[in-house]
Amino acid sequence: MHHSHRLSQLPPLVADWPSVLDDFPYQLSGEDLAPHVSIACHCQLLIWAPALSAEQLNQLSLTVQADGRQLVLQGARVMLGATTVLLSAECTEQELKALLEAQDWEFDWVVMSRLPNLHLPGLILMDMDSTTIQIECIDEIATLAGVGEEVSAVTAAAMRGELDFEQSLRARVGKLADAPEAILQQVADSMPLMPGLKDLLSFVKQIDWKVAIASGGFTYFAERLQQDLGFDRVVANQLEIVDGKLTGQVLGGVVDAQVKADTLKALAQEFGATQTMAIGDGANDLLMLAESDFGVAIHAKPLVQAKAQMAIRHSDLDGVVRILSASELLSGCA
């Protein structure tokens, strides 16, 4: 049996709400939290933060409902040390995104027209540099080879979408000619993983989905991650090495934006995945993100953040676990 509440009467932290509320869902109407009234659910809004407050939720409800829209609180729970809340909004995905993008929230939010189904087979395809790991490997190699500033400036421009990816990659690799192969091992031995990566891979294994890497970086590093962490497949560029030195050449075709998108389709077919998620941060990830059912930009360049279906701005890959788990919070609209 639902009871009406004032937000000011509830605990200040949303994490404590499940213990005092009867059940979900509840309709949010400004300061009021009332028993759920059936609405036409057009899209789902998932928000999360380490210490999500009643005040923040109130501000959100006032923003969304400014033009008479309804907002329903579907469920809330603490996952991986942060509060995750699922809401349903009576507006289109585009309308809700426009409303939310107009303000700078202190929590992460994503809008979805449908939620992942963890009971059906799925595939997650991830970029590598600045997505599964916190560095751009080519910049690290270049620094050790003494051409760091020249190469990192080109990398940054390519990721912002200002340069053709293949041309920029070949130009950067060309600057590495005669660098010793030992540099690659030095970088591989100290790759800092993106926070939340191990949580994500553990979760993906539990739900029996496949997870792969498609990278405009290099097989030397992608294969090390596969060996250490158990990725199902890796696709990346191969550096030519002769007599223990880099030649400044890439062997074969370059893994560019189109190859990443094609890899998503091919692996989904191979693995029998009926739903796909792609995760990346750079302009060369945009086609892959658009091709997937759930495209997630993480700590992305402004262009990518604006174009991606979903963007993680504050947290890390633990946010992907929340997106995948959203249906577990759902107790109202289907």
C-alpha atoms as a PDB file:
ATOM      1  CA  MET A   1       0.000   0.000   0.000  1.00  0.00           C
ATOM      2  CA  HIS A   2       1.510   3.301  -1.108  1.00  0.00           C
ATOM      3  CA  HIS A   3       1.418   6.419   1.056  1.00  0.00           C
ATOM      4  CA  SER A   4       2.002   9.993  -0.051  1.00  0.00           C
ATOM      5  CA  HIS A   5       5.179  11.676   1.214  1.00  0.00           C
ATOM      6  CA  ARG A   6       6.804  15.074   1.110  1.00  0.00           C
ATOM      7  CA  LEU A   7      10.377  14.889  -0.140  1.00  0.00           C
ATOM      8  CA  SER A   8      11.399  17.042   2.826  1.00  0.00           C
ATOM      9  CA  GLN A   9      10.048  14.336   5.174  1.00  0.00           C
ATOM     10  CA  LEU A  10      12.184  11.598   3.596  1.00  0.00           C
ATOM     11  CA  PRO A  11      15.845  10.918   4.432  1.00  0.00           C
ATOM     12  CA  PRO A  12      18.152  13.461   2.775  1.00  0.00           C
ATOM     13  CA  LEU A  13      19.999  10.676   0.916  1.00  0.00           C
ATOM     14  CA  VAL A  14      18.020   8.689  -1.670  1.00  0.00           C
ATOM     15  CA  ALA A  15      20.012   5.563  -0.719  1.00  0.00           C
ATOM     16  CA  ASP A  16      17.922   5.394   2.472  1.00  0.00           C
ATOM     17  CA  TRP A  17      14.545   5.669   0.736  1.00  0.00           C
ATOM     18  CA  PRO A  18      13.890   1.960  -0.013  1.00  0.00           C
ATOM     19  CA  SER A  19      13.861   1.226   3.731  1.00  0.00           C
ATOM     20  CA  VAL A  20      11.123   3.802   4.439  1.00  0.00           C
ATOM     21  CA  LEU A  21       8.983   3.619   1.291  1.00  0.00           C
ATOM     22  CA  ASP A  22       6.449   0.805   0.863  1.00  0.00           C
ATOM     23  CA  ASP A  23       7.136  -0.165  -2.752  1.00  0.00           C
ATOM     24  CA  PHE A  24       7.902   1.551  -6.003  1.00  0.00           C
ATOM     25  CA  PRO A  25       6.717   3.172  -8.242  1.00  0.00           C
ATOM     26  CA  TYR A  26       5.805   6.662  -7.003  1.00  0.00           C
ATOM     27  CA  GLN A  27       4.836   9.699  -8.993  1.00  0.00           C
ATOM     28  CA  LEU A  28       7.067  12.723  -8.459  1.00  0.00           C
ATOM     29  CA  SER A  29       5.193  16.007  -8.438  1.00  0.00           C
ATOM     30  CA  GLY A  30       7.529  18.742  -7.316  1.00  0.00           C
ATOM     31  CA  GLU A  31       7.912  18.288  -3.553  1.00  0.00           C
ATOM     32  CA  ASP A  32       5.355  15.490  -3.440  1.00  0.00           C
ATOM     33  CA  LEU A  33       5.948  11.768  -3.783  1.00  0.00           C
ATOM     34  CA  ALA A  34       2.508  10.271  -4.376  1.00  0.00           C
ATOM     35  CA  PRO A  35       1.183   6.777  -5.139  1.00  0.00           C
ATOM     36  CA  HIS A  36       1.806   5.931  -8.769  1.00  0.00           C
ATOM     37  CA  VAL A  37      -0.751   7.035 -11.345  1.00  0.00           C
ATOM     38  CA  SER A  38      -0.587   5.187 -14.648  1.00  0.00           C
ATOM     39  CA  ILE A  39       1.031   7.234 -17.438  1.00  0.00           C
ATOM     40  CA  ALA A  40       2.157   6.537 -20.967  1.00  0.00           C
ATOM     41  CA  CYS A  41       5.861   5.790 -20.489  1.00  0.00           C
ATOM     42  CA  HIS A  42       7.785   7.050 -23.495  1.00  0.00           C
ATOM     43  CA  CYS A  43      11.294   6.775 -22.131  1.00  0.00           C
ATOM     44  CA  GLN A  44      13.326   5.768 -19.117  1.00  0.00           C
ATOM     45  CA  LEU A  45      15.720   8.035 -17.228  1.00  0.00           C
ATOM     46  CA  LEU A  46      18.523   6.415 -15.250  1.00  0.00           C
ATOM     47  CA  ILE A  47      20.495   8.580 -12.817  1.00  0.00           C
ATOM     48  CA  TRP A  48      23.278   7.706 -10.382  1.00  0.00           C
ATOM     49  CA  ALA A  49      25.750   9.335  -8.003  1.00  0.00           C
ATOM     50  CA  PRO A  50      27.665   8.270  -4.867  1.00  0.00           C
ATOM     51  CA  ALA A  51      25.447  10.425  -2.614  1.00  0.00           C
ATOM     52  CA  LEU A  52      22.275  11.230  -4.536  1.00  0.00           C
ATOM     53  CA  SER A  53      20.160  13.628  -2.496  1.00  0.00           C
ATOM     54  CA  ALA A  54      16.422  14.289  -2.177  1.00  0.00           C
ATOM     55  CA  GLU A  55      17.190  17.900  -3.093  1.00  0.00           C
ATOM     56  CA  GLN A  56      18.773  16.829  -6.399  1.00  0.00           C
ATOM     57  CA  LEU A  57      15.825  14.582  -7.202  1.00  0.00           C
ATOM     58  CA  ASN A  58      13.449  17.433  -6.452  1.00  0.00           C
ATOM     59  CA  GLN A  59      15.376  19.757  -8.765  1.00  0.00           C
ATOM     60  CA  LEU A  60      15.239  17.100 -11.473  1.00  0.00           C
ATOM     61  CA  SER A  61      11.493  16.633 -11.081  1.00  0.00           C
ATOM     62  CA  LEU A  62      10.872  20.399 -11.292  1.00  0.00           C
ATOM     63  CA  THR A  63      12.962  20.593 -14.488  1.00  0.00           C
ATOM     64  CA  VAL A  64      11.278  17.668 -16.247  1.00  0.00           C
ATOM     65  CA  GLN A  65       7.762  18.570 -15.174  1.00  0.00           C
ATOM     66  CA  ALA A  66       7.950  22.284 -16.004  1.00  0.00           C
ATOM     67  CA  ASP A  67       5.540  21.843 -18.931  1.00  0.00           C
ATOM     68  CA  GLY A  68       3.125  19.476 -17.224  1.00  0.00           C
ATOM     69  CA  ARG A  69       5.005  16.265 -17.976  1.00  0.00           C
ATOM     70  CA  GLN A  70       4.778  13.454 -15.462  1.00  0.00           C
ATOM     71  CA  LEU A  71       7.750  11.723 -13.869  1.00  0.00           C
ATOM     72  CA  VAL A  72       7.479   8.374 -12.109  1.00  0.00           C
ATOM     73  CA  LEU A  73      10.080   6.999  -9.703  1.00  0.00           C
ATOM     74  CA  GLN A  74      10.361   3.333 -10.665  1.00  0.00           C
ATOM     75  CA  GLY A  75      12.983   2.117  -8.207  1.00  0.00           C
ATOM     76  CA  ALA A  76      16.186   2.911  -6.335  1.00  0.00           C
ATOM     77  CA  ARG A  77      19.020   0.907  -4.864  1.00  0.00           C
ATOM     78  CA  VAL A  78      22.706   1.104  -4.025  1.00  0.00           C
ATOM     79  CA  MET A  79      24.961  -0.598  -6.578  1.00  0.00           C
ATOM     80  CA  LEU A  80      28.766  -0.628  -6.501  1.00  0.00           C
ATOM     81  CA  GLY A  81      28.782   2.029  -3.799  1.00  0.00           C
ATOM     82  CA  ALA A  82      26.518   4.547  -5.539  1.00  0.00           C
ATOM     83  CA  THR A  83      22.767   5.156  -5.567  1.00  0.00           C
ATOM     84  CA  THR A  84      21.065   4.253  -8.839  1.00  0.00           C
ATOM     85  CA  VAL A  85      17.531   5.471  -9.602  1.00  0.00           C
ATOM     86  CA  LEU A  86      15.261   4.632 -12.528  1.00  0.00           C
ATOM     87  CA  LEU A  87      12.480   7.018 -13.539  1.00  0.00           C
ATOM     88  CA  SER A  88       9.909   7.025 -16.340  1.00  0.00           C
ATOM     89  CA  ALA A  89       9.119  10.267 -18.126  1.00  0.00           C
ATOM     90  CA  GLU A  90       6.079  11.261 -20.134  1.00  0.00           C
ATOM     91  CA  CYS A  91       7.995  12.701 -23.075  1.00  0.00           C
ATOM     92  CA  THR A  92      10.152  11.579 -25.971  1.00  0.00           C
ATOM     93  CA  GLU A  93      13.792  10.618 -25.637  1.00  0.00           C
ATOM     94  CA  GLN A  94      14.819  13.753 -27.580  1.00  0.00           C
ATOM     95  CA  GLU A  95      12.679  16.085 -25.433  1.00  0.00           C
ATOM     96  CA  LEU A  96      14.044  14.661 -22.193  1.00  0.00           C
ATOM     97  CA  LYS A  97      17.653  14.846 -23.373  1.00  0.00           C
ATOM     98  CA  ALA A  98      17.196  18.487 -24.412  1.00  0.00           C
ATOM     99  CA  LEU A  99      15.766  19.365 -20.986  1.00  0.00           C
ATOM    100  CA  LEU A 100      18.585  17.656 -19.115  1.00  0.00           C
ATOM    101  CA  GLU A 101      21.424  18.929 -21.306  1.00  0.00           C
ATOM    102  CA  ALA A 102      20.354  22.499 -20.546  1.00  0.00           C
ATOM    103  CA  GLN A 103      21.677  22.101 -16.987  1.00  0.00           C
ATOM    104  CA  ASP A 104      24.939  20.919 -15.481  1.00  0.00           C
ATOM    105  CA  TRP A 105      23.928  18.103 -13.127  1.00  0.00           C
ATOM    106  CA  GLU A 106      26.200  16.726 -10.439  1.00  0.00           C
ATOM    107  CA  PHE A 107      25.002  13.192 -11.165  1.00  0.00           C
ATOM    108  CA  ASP A 108      25.281  10.968 -14.218  1.00  0.00           C
ATOM    109  CA  TRP A 109      22.165  10.489 -16.320  1.00  0.00           C
ATOM    110  CA  VAL A 110      21.198   8.535 -19.418  1.00  0.00           C
ATOM    111  CA  VAL A 111      17.927   8.430 -21.346  1.00  0.00           C
ATOM    112  CA  MET A 112      16.761   5.165 -22.919  1.00  0.00           C
ATOM    113  CA  SER A 113      13.758   4.296 -25.044  1.00  0.00           C
ATOM    114  CA  ARG A 114      14.271   0.647 -24.039  1.00  0.00           C
ATOM    115  CA  LEU A 115      16.328  -1.198 -21.446  1.00  0.00           C
ATOM    116  CA  PRO A 116      18.856  -3.999 -21.919  1.00  0.00           C
ATOM    117  CA  ASN A 117      17.383  -7.477 -21.385  1.00  0.00           C
ATOM    118  CA  LEU A 118      19.901  -9.491 -19.371  1.00  0.00           C
ATOM    119  CA  HIS A 119      18.073 -12.744 -20.155  1.00  0.00           C
ATOM    120  CA  LEU A 120      18.880 -12.504 -23.869  1.00  0.00           C
ATOM    121  CA  PRO A 121      22.362 -12.935 -25.392  1.00  0.00           C
ATOM    122  CA  GLY A 122      24.326  -9.730 -25.832  1.00  0.00           C
ATOM    123  CA  LEU A 123      27.644  -8.321 -27.013  1.00  0.00           C
ATOM    124  CA  ILE A 124      29.620  -5.358 -25.674  1.00  0.00           C
ATOM    125  CA  LEU A 125      32.239  -3.905 -28.027  1.00  0.00           C
ATOM    126  CA  MET A 126      34.708  -1.501 -26.433  1.00  0.00           C
ATOM    127  CA  ASP A 127      37.267   0.928 -27.691  1.00  0.00           C
ATOM    128  CA  MET A 128      40.632   0.435 -25.924  1.00  0.00           C
ATOM    129  CA  ASP A 129      42.625   3.663 -25.472  1.00  0.00           C
ATOM    130  CA  SER A 130      40.971   6.043 -22.965  1.00  0.00           C
ATOM    131  CA  THR A 131      38.087   3.559 -22.626  1.00  0.00           C
ATOM    132  CA  THR A 132      39.287   0.211 -21.240  1.00  0.00           C
ATOM    133  CA  ILE A 133      42.565   1.837 -20.209  1.00  0.00           C
ATOM    134  CA  GLN A 134      43.245   5.407 -19.060  1.00  0.00           C
ATOM    135  CA  ILE A 135      45.994   6.193 -21.576  1.00  0.00           C
ATOM    136  CA  GLU A 136      46.531   6.551 -25.320  1.00  0.00           C
ATOM    137  CA  CYS A 137      49.191   3.902 -25.944  1.00  0.00           C
ATOM    138  CA  ILE A 138      50.630   5.621 -29.025  1.00  0.00           C
ATOM    139  CA  ASP A 139      51.250   8.774 -26.975  1.00  0.00           C
ATOM    140  CA  GLU A 140      53.044   6.742 -24.306  1.00  0.00           C
ATOM    141  CA  ILE A 141      55.236   4.980 -26.908  1.00  0.00           C
ATOM    142  CA  ALA A 142      56.003   8.338 -28.535  1.00  0.00           C
ATOM    143  CA  THR A 143      57.024   9.879 -25.206  1.00  0.00           C
ATOM    144  CA  LEU A 144      59.472   7.035 -24.573  1.00  0.00           C
ATOM    145  CA  ALA A 145      60.730   7.381 -28.159  1.00  0.00           C
ATOM    146  CA  GLY A 146      61.330  11.135 -27.697  1.00  0.00           C
ATOM    147  CA  VAL A 147      58.570  12.371 -30.045  1.00  0.00           C
ATOM    148  CA  GLY A 148      55.789  12.684 -27.472  1.00  0.00           C
ATOM    149  CA  GLU A 149      54.580  16.247 -28.080  1.00  0.00           C
ATOM    150  CA  GLU A 150      54.427  15.874 -31.868  1.00  0.00           C
ATOM    151  CA  VAL A 151      52.401  12.666 -31.660  1.00  0.00           C
ATOM    152  CA  SER A 152      50.006  13.597 -28.815  1.00  0.00           C
ATOM    153  CA  ALA A 153      48.928  16.792 -30.624  1.00  0.00           C
ATOM    154  CA  VAL A 154      47.931  14.712 -33.683  1.00  0.00           C
ATOM    155  CA  THR A 155      46.163  12.128 -31.477  1.00  0.00           C
ATOM    156  CA  ALA A 156      44.082  14.828 -29.773  1.00  0.00           C
ATOM    157  CA  ALA A 157      43.048  16.368 -33.104  1.00  0.00           C
ATOM    158  CA  ALA A 158      42.114  12.933 -34.512  1.00  0.00           C
ATOM    159  CA  MET A 159      39.977  12.059 -31.470  1.00  0.00           C
ATOM    160  CA  ARG A 160      38.155  15.391 -31.787  1.00  0.00           C
ATOM    161  CA  GLY A 161      37.300  14.423 -35.369  1.00  0.00           C
ATOM    162  CA  GLU A 162      39.457  17.124 -36.976  1.00  0.00           C
ATOM    163  CA  LEU A 163      41.675  14.746 -38.986  1.00  0.00           C
ATOM    164  CA  ASP A 164      41.165  11.658 -41.117  1.00  0.00           C
ATOM    165  CA  PHE A 165      41.837   8.788 -38.719  1.00  0.00           C
ATOM    166  CA  GLU A 166      43.857   6.543 -41.039  1.00  0.00           C
ATOM    167  CA  GLN A 167      46.081   9.369 -42.280  1.00  0.00           C
ATOM    168  CA  SER A 168      46.661  10.581 -38.736  1.00  0.00           C
ATOM    169  CA  LEU A 169      47.479   7.070 -37.516  1.00  0.00           C
ATOM    170  CA  ARG A 170      49.985   6.387 -40.283  1.00  0.00           C
ATOM    171  CA  ALA A 171      51.588   9.802 -39.701  1.00  0.00           C
ATOM    172  CA  ARG A 172      51.949   9.137 -35.975  1.00  0.00           C
ATOM    173  CA  VAL A 173      53.287   5.603 -36.435  1.00  0.00           C
ATOM    174  CA  GLY A 174      55.775   6.952 -38.979  1.00  0.00           C
ATOM    175  CA  LYS A 175      57.338   9.085 -36.247  1.00  0.00           C
ATOM    176  CA  LEU A 176      58.063   5.902 -34.271  1.00  0.00           C
ATOM    177  CA  ALA A 177      60.452   4.434 -36.868  1.00  0.00           C
ATOM    178  CA  ASP A 178      63.553   2.837 -35.294  1.00  0.00           C
ATOM    179  CA  ALA A 179      62.099   2.884 -31.763  1.00  0.00           C
ATOM    180  CA  PRO A 180      63.026  -0.339 -29.917  1.00  0.00           C
ATOM    181  CA  GLU A 181      60.339  -3.015 -29.451  1.00  0.00           C
ATOM    182  CA  ALA A 182      61.174  -3.011 -25.713  1.00  0.00           C
ATOM    183  CA  ILE A 183      59.273   0.296 -25.435  1.00  0.00           C
ATOM    184  CA  LEU A 184      56.028  -1.549 -26.265  1.00  0.00           C
ATOM    185  CA  GLN A 185      56.544  -3.986 -23.405  1.00  0.00           C
ATOM    186  CA  GLN A 186      57.322  -1.104 -21.059  1.00  0.00           C
ATOM    187  CA  VAL A 187      53.979   0.545 -21.921  1.00  0.00           C
ATOM    188  CA  ALA A 188      52.049  -2.754 -21.815  1.00  0.00           C
ATOM    189  CA  ASP A 189      53.439  -3.606 -18.380  1.00  0.00           C
ATOM    190  CA  SER A 190      52.067  -0.395 -16.871  1.00  0.00           C
ATOM    191  CA  MET A 191      48.718   0.203 -18.623  1.00  0.00           C
ATOM    192  CA  PRO A 192      46.351   1.761 -16.028  1.00  0.00           C
ATOM    193  CA  LEU A 193      42.920   0.142 -16.353  1.00  0.00           C
ATOM    194  CA  MET A 194      39.868   2.388 -16.502  1.00  0.00           C
ATOM    195  CA  PRO A 195      38.193   2.332 -13.052  1.00  0.00           C
ATOM    196  CA  GLY A 196      35.230  -0.021 -13.090  1.00  0.00           C
ATOM    197  CA  LEU A 197      36.596  -2.228 -15.910  1.00  0.00           C
ATOM    198  CA  LYS A 198      37.010  -5.298 -13.711  1.00  0.00           C
ATOM    199  CA  ASP A 199      33.524  -4.789 -12.206  1.00  0.00           C
ATOM    200  CA  LEU A 200      32.094  -4.562 -15.718  1.00  0.00           C
ATOM    201  CA  LEU A 201      33.887  -7.665 -16.995  1.00  0.00           C
ATOM    202  CA  SER A 202      32.835  -9.629 -13.908  1.00  0.00           C
ATOM    203  CA  PHE A 203      29.202  -8.560 -14.415  1.00  0.00           C
ATOM    204  CA  VAL A 204      29.283  -9.410 -18.129  1.00  0.00           C
ATOM    205  CA  LYS A 205      30.578 -12.883 -17.293  1.00  0.00           C
ATOM    206  CA  GLN A 206      27.725 -13.378 -14.781  1.00  0.00           C
ATOM    207  CA  ILE A 207      25.077 -12.559 -17.401  1.00  0.00           C
ATOM    208  CA  ASP A 208      26.893 -14.630 -20.031  1.00  0.00           C
ATOM    209  CA  TRP A 209      27.300 -11.809 -22.562  1.00  0.00           C
ATOM    210  CA  LYS A 210      30.346 -11.512 -24.830  1.00  0.00           C
ATOM    211  CA  VAL A 211      32.775  -8.610 -24.580  1.00  0.00           C
ATOM    212  CA  ALA A 212      35.336  -7.589 -27.189  1.00  0.00           C
ATOM    213  CA  ILE A 213      37.727  -4.757 -28.109  1.00  0.00           C
ATOM    214  CA  ALA A 214      37.776  -2.894 -31.440  1.00  0.00           C
ATOM    215  CA  SER A 215      40.641  -0.433 -31.354  1.00  0.00           C
ATOM    216  CA  GLY A 216      42.356   2.052 -33.612  1.00  0.00           C
ATOM    217  CA  GLY A 217      45.345   1.292 -31.377  1.00  0.00           C
ATOM    218  CA  PHE A 218      47.552  -1.759 -31.512  1.00  0.00           C
ATOM    219  CA  THR A 219      47.256  -5.528 -31.165  1.00  0.00           C
ATOM    220  CA  TYR A 220      50.319  -5.580 -28.885  1.00  0.00           C
ATOM    221  CA  PHE A 221      48.278  -3.930 -26.123  1.00  0.00           C
ATOM    222  CA  ALA A 222      44.832  -5.295 -26.960  1.00  0.00           C
ATOM    223  CA  GLU A 223      46.134  -8.871 -26.880  1.00  0.00           C
ATOM    224  CA  ARG A 224      47.778  -8.233 -23.501  1.00  0.00           C
ATOM    225  CA  LEU A 225      44.392  -7.073 -22.147  1.00  0.00           C
ATOM    226  CA  GLN A 226      42.721 -10.131 -23.671  1.00  0.00           C
ATOM    227  CA  GLN A 227      45.291 -12.411 -22.050  1.00  0.00           C
ATOM    228  CA  ASP A 228      45.063 -10.699 -18.646  1.00  0.00           C
ATOM    229  CA  LEU A 229      41.316 -10.006 -18.466  1.00  0.00           C
ATOM    230  CA  GLY A 230      39.586 -12.520 -20.744  1.00  0.00           C
ATOM    231  CA  PHE A 231      38.103 -10.448 -23.584  1.00  0.00           C
ATOM    232  CA  ASP A 232      36.388 -12.761 -26.074  1.00  0.00           C
ATOM    233  CA  ARG A 233      37.927 -11.085 -29.126  1.00  0.00           C
ATOM    234  CA  VAL A 234      40.224  -8.177 -29.957  1.00  0.00           C
ATOM    235  CA  VAL A 235      40.550  -6.320 -33.263  1.00  0.00           C
ATOM    236  CA  ALA A 236      43.289  -3.692 -33.619  1.00  0.00           C
ATOM    237  CA  ASN A 237      46.174  -2.486 -35.821  1.00  0.00           C
ATOM    238  CA  GLN A 238      49.428  -4.394 -36.079  1.00  0.00           C
ATOM    239  CA  LEU A 239      52.705  -2.515 -35.807  1.00  0.00           C
ATOM    240  CA  GLU A 240      55.446  -3.814 -38.094  1.00  0.00           C
ATOM    241  CA  ILE A 241      58.526  -4.838 -36.125  1.00  0.00           C
ATOM    242  CA  VAL A 242      61.785  -5.898 -37.847  1.00  0.00           C
ATOM    243  CA  ASP A 243      64.956  -6.901 -35.984  1.00  0.00           C
ATOM    244  CA  GLY A 244      63.517  -5.699 -32.670  1.00  0.00           C
ATOM    245  CA  LYS A 245      62.657  -2.216 -33.957  1.00  0.00           C
ATOM    246  CA  LEU A 246      59.481  -0.502 -35.144  1.00  0.00           C
ATOM    247  CA  THR A 247      59.595   0.274 -38.871  1.00  0.00           C
ATOM    248  CA  GLY A 248      57.094   3.129 -38.669  1.00  0.00           C
ATOM    249  CA  GLN A 249      54.550   1.088 -40.642  1.00  0.00           C
ATOM    250  CA  VAL A 250      51.202  -0.551 -39.861  1.00  0.00           C
ATOM    251  CA  LEU A 251      50.657  -3.992 -41.388  1.00  0.00           C
ATOM    252  CA  GLY A 252      47.469  -4.443 -43.429  1.00  0.00           C
ATOM    253  CA  GLY A 253      44.383  -2.237 -43.336  1.00  0.00           C
ATOM    254  CA  VAL A 254      43.768   0.268 -40.555  1.00  0.00           C
ATOM    255  CA  VAL A 255      40.999  -0.254 -38.004  1.00  0.00           C
ATOM    256  CA  ASP A 256      39.037   2.952 -38.547  1.00  0.00           C
ATOM    257  CA  ALA A 257      35.486   4.018 -37.663  1.00  0.00           C
ATOM    258  CA  GLN A 258      33.866   1.880 -40.377  1.00  0.00           C
ATOM    259  CA  VAL A 259      35.866  -1.219 -39.437  1.00  0.00           C
ATOM    260  CA  LYS A 260      34.753  -0.789 -35.823  1.00  0.00           C
ATOM    261  CA  ALA A 261      31.081  -0.598 -36.876  1.00  0.00           C
ATOM    262  CA  ASP A 262      31.519  -3.612 -39.195  1.00  0.00           C
ATOM    263  CA  THR A 263      33.204  -5.545 -36.374  1.00  0.00           C
ATOM    264  CA  LEU A 264      30.181  -4.935 -34.142  1.00  0.00           C
ATOM    265  CA  LYS A 265      27.836  -6.416 -36.764  1.00  0.00           C
ATOM    266  CA  ALA A 266      30.121  -9.356 -37.557  1.00  0.00           C
ATOM    267  CA  LEU A 267      30.730 -10.324 -33.921  1.00  0.00           C
ATOM    268  CA  ALA A 268      27.036  -9.974 -33.034  1.00  0.00           C
ATOM    269  CA  GLN A 269      26.243 -12.453 -35.800  1.00  0.00           C
ATOM    270  CA  GLU A 270      29.071 -14.784 -34.834  1.00  0.00           C
ATOM    271  CA  PHE A 271      28.138 -14.819 -31.148  1.00  0.00           C
ATOM    272  CA  GLY A 272      24.366 -14.895 -31.748  1.00  0.00           C
ATOM    273  CA  ALA A 273      23.872 -11.644 -29.810  1.00  0.00           C
ATOM    274  CA  THR A 274      20.384 -10.169 -30.130  1.00  0.00           C
ATOM    275  CA  GLN A 275      21.390  -6.861 -28.497  1.00  0.00           C
ATOM    276  CA  THR A 276      24.616  -4.894 -28.713  1.00  0.00           C
ATOM    277  CA  MET A 277      26.332  -2.201 -26.689  1.00  0.00           C
ATOM    278  CA  ALA A 278      29.306  -0.127 -27.849  1.00  0.00           C
ATOM    279  CA  ILE A 279      31.521   1.986 -25.578  1.00  0.00           C
ATOM    280  CA  GLY A 280      34.016   4.617 -26.722  1.00  0.00           C
ATOM    281  CA  ASP A 281      35.335   8.149 -26.337  1.00  0.00           C
ATOM    282  CA  GLY A 282      36.622   9.377 -29.695  1.00  0.00           C
ATOM    283  CA  ALA A 283      35.251  10.510 -33.053  1.00  0.00           C
ATOM    284  CA  ASN A 284      36.345   7.207 -34.599  1.00  0.00           C
ATOM    285  CA  ASP A 285      33.875   5.447 -32.246  1.00  0.00           C
ATOM    286  CA  LEU A 286      30.790   7.316 -33.483  1.00  0.00           C
ATOM    287  CA  LEU A 287      29.794   4.839 -36.220  1.00  0.00           C
ATOM    288  CA  MET A 288      30.190   1.921 -33.794  1.00  0.00           C
ATOM    289  CA  LEU A 289      28.088   3.718 -31.168  1.00  0.00           C
ATOM    290  CA  ALA A 290      25.374   4.512 -33.727  1.00  0.00           C
ATOM    291  CA  GLU A 291      25.334   0.928 -35.031  1.00  0.00           C
ATOM    292  CA  SER A 292      24.753  -0.517 -31.545  1.00  0.00           C
ATOM    293  CA  ASP A 293      21.470  -0.803 -29.647  1.00  0.00           C
ATOM    294  CA  PHE A 294      23.047   0.944 -26.663  1.00  0.00           C
ATOM    295  CA  GLY A 295      25.810   3.418 -27.545  1.00  0.00           C
ATOM    296  CA  VAL A 296      27.730   4.717 -24.526  1.00  0.00           C
ATOM    297  CA  ALA A 297      30.280   7.535 -24.650  1.00  0.00           C
ATOM    298  CA  ILE A 298      32.644   7.643 -21.675  1.00  0.00           C
ATOM    299  CA  HIS A 299      34.633  10.751 -20.695  1.00  0.00           C
ATOM    300  CA  ALA A 300      34.193  11.626 -24.348  1.00  0.00           C
ATOM    301  CA  LYS A 301      35.220  14.521 -26.532  1.00  0.00           C
ATOM    302  CA  PRO A 302      32.387  17.141 -26.775  1.00  0.00           C
ATOM    303  CA  LEU A 303      31.426  16.078 -30.318  1.00  0.00           C
ATOM    304  CA  VAL A 304      31.096  12.442 -29.248  1.00  0.00           C
ATOM    305  CA  GLN A 305      29.243  13.260 -26.039  1.00  0.00           C
ATOM    306  CA  ALA A 306      26.716  15.314 -28.021  1.00  0.00           C
ATOM    307  CA  LYS A 307      26.110  12.656 -30.689  1.00  0.00           C
ATOM    308  CA  ALA A 308      26.122   9.502 -28.563  1.00  0.00           C
ATOM    309  CA  GLN A 309      22.865   7.932 -27.398  1.00  0.00           C
ATOM    310  CA  MET A 310      24.188   7.942 -23.809  1.00  0.00           C
ATOM    311  CA  ALA A 311      27.148   9.632 -22.127  1.00  0.00           C
ATOM    312  CA  ILE A 312      28.895   8.882 -18.840  1.00  0.00           C
ATOM    313  CA  ARG A 313      30.320  12.184 -17.633  1.00  0.00           C
ATOM    314  CA  HIS A 314      31.222  11.848 -13.941  1.00  0.00           C
ATOM    315  CA  SER A 315      31.688   8.175 -13.083  1.00  0.00           C
ATOM    316  CA  ASP A 316      33.610   5.432 -14.881  1.00  0.00           C
ATOM    317  CA  LEU A 317      32.861   1.991 -16.350  1.00  0.00           C
ATOM    318  CA  ASP A 318      30.856   1.117 -13.241  1.00  0.00           C
ATOM    319  CA  GLY A 319      28.228   3.337 -14.881  1.00  0.00           C
ATOM    320  CA  VAL A 320      27.906   0.766 -17.664  1.00  0.00           C
ATOM    321  CA  VAL A 321      26.987  -1.884 -15.080  1.00  0.00           C
ATOM    322  CA  ARG A 322      24.184   0.429 -13.895  1.00  0.00           C
ATOM    323  CA  ILE A 323      22.912   0.880 -17.461  1.00  0.00           C
ATOM    324  CA  LEU A 324      22.934  -2.876 -18.039  1.00  0.00           C
ATOM    325  CA  SER A 325      21.142  -3.476 -14.726  1.00  0.00           C
ATOM    326  CA  ALA A 326      18.454  -0.808 -15.228  1.00  0.00           C
ATOM    327  CA  SER A 327      15.670  -3.329 -15.842  1.00  0.00           C
ATOM    328  CA  GLU A 328      16.252  -4.780 -12.368  1.00  0.00           C
ATOM    329  CA  LEU A 329      14.992  -1.475 -10.910  1.00  0.00           C
ATOM    330  CA  LEU A 330      11.852  -1.405 -13.024  1.00  0.00           C
ATOM    331  CA  SER A 331       8.582  -1.963 -11.155  1.00  0.00           C
ATOM    332  CA  GLY A 332       6.043   0.048 -13.153  1.00  0.00           C
ATOM    333  CA  CYS A 333       5.904   0.654 -16.886  1.00  0.00           C
ATOM    334  CA  ALA A 334       7.220  -2.034 -19.191  1.00  0.00           C
END
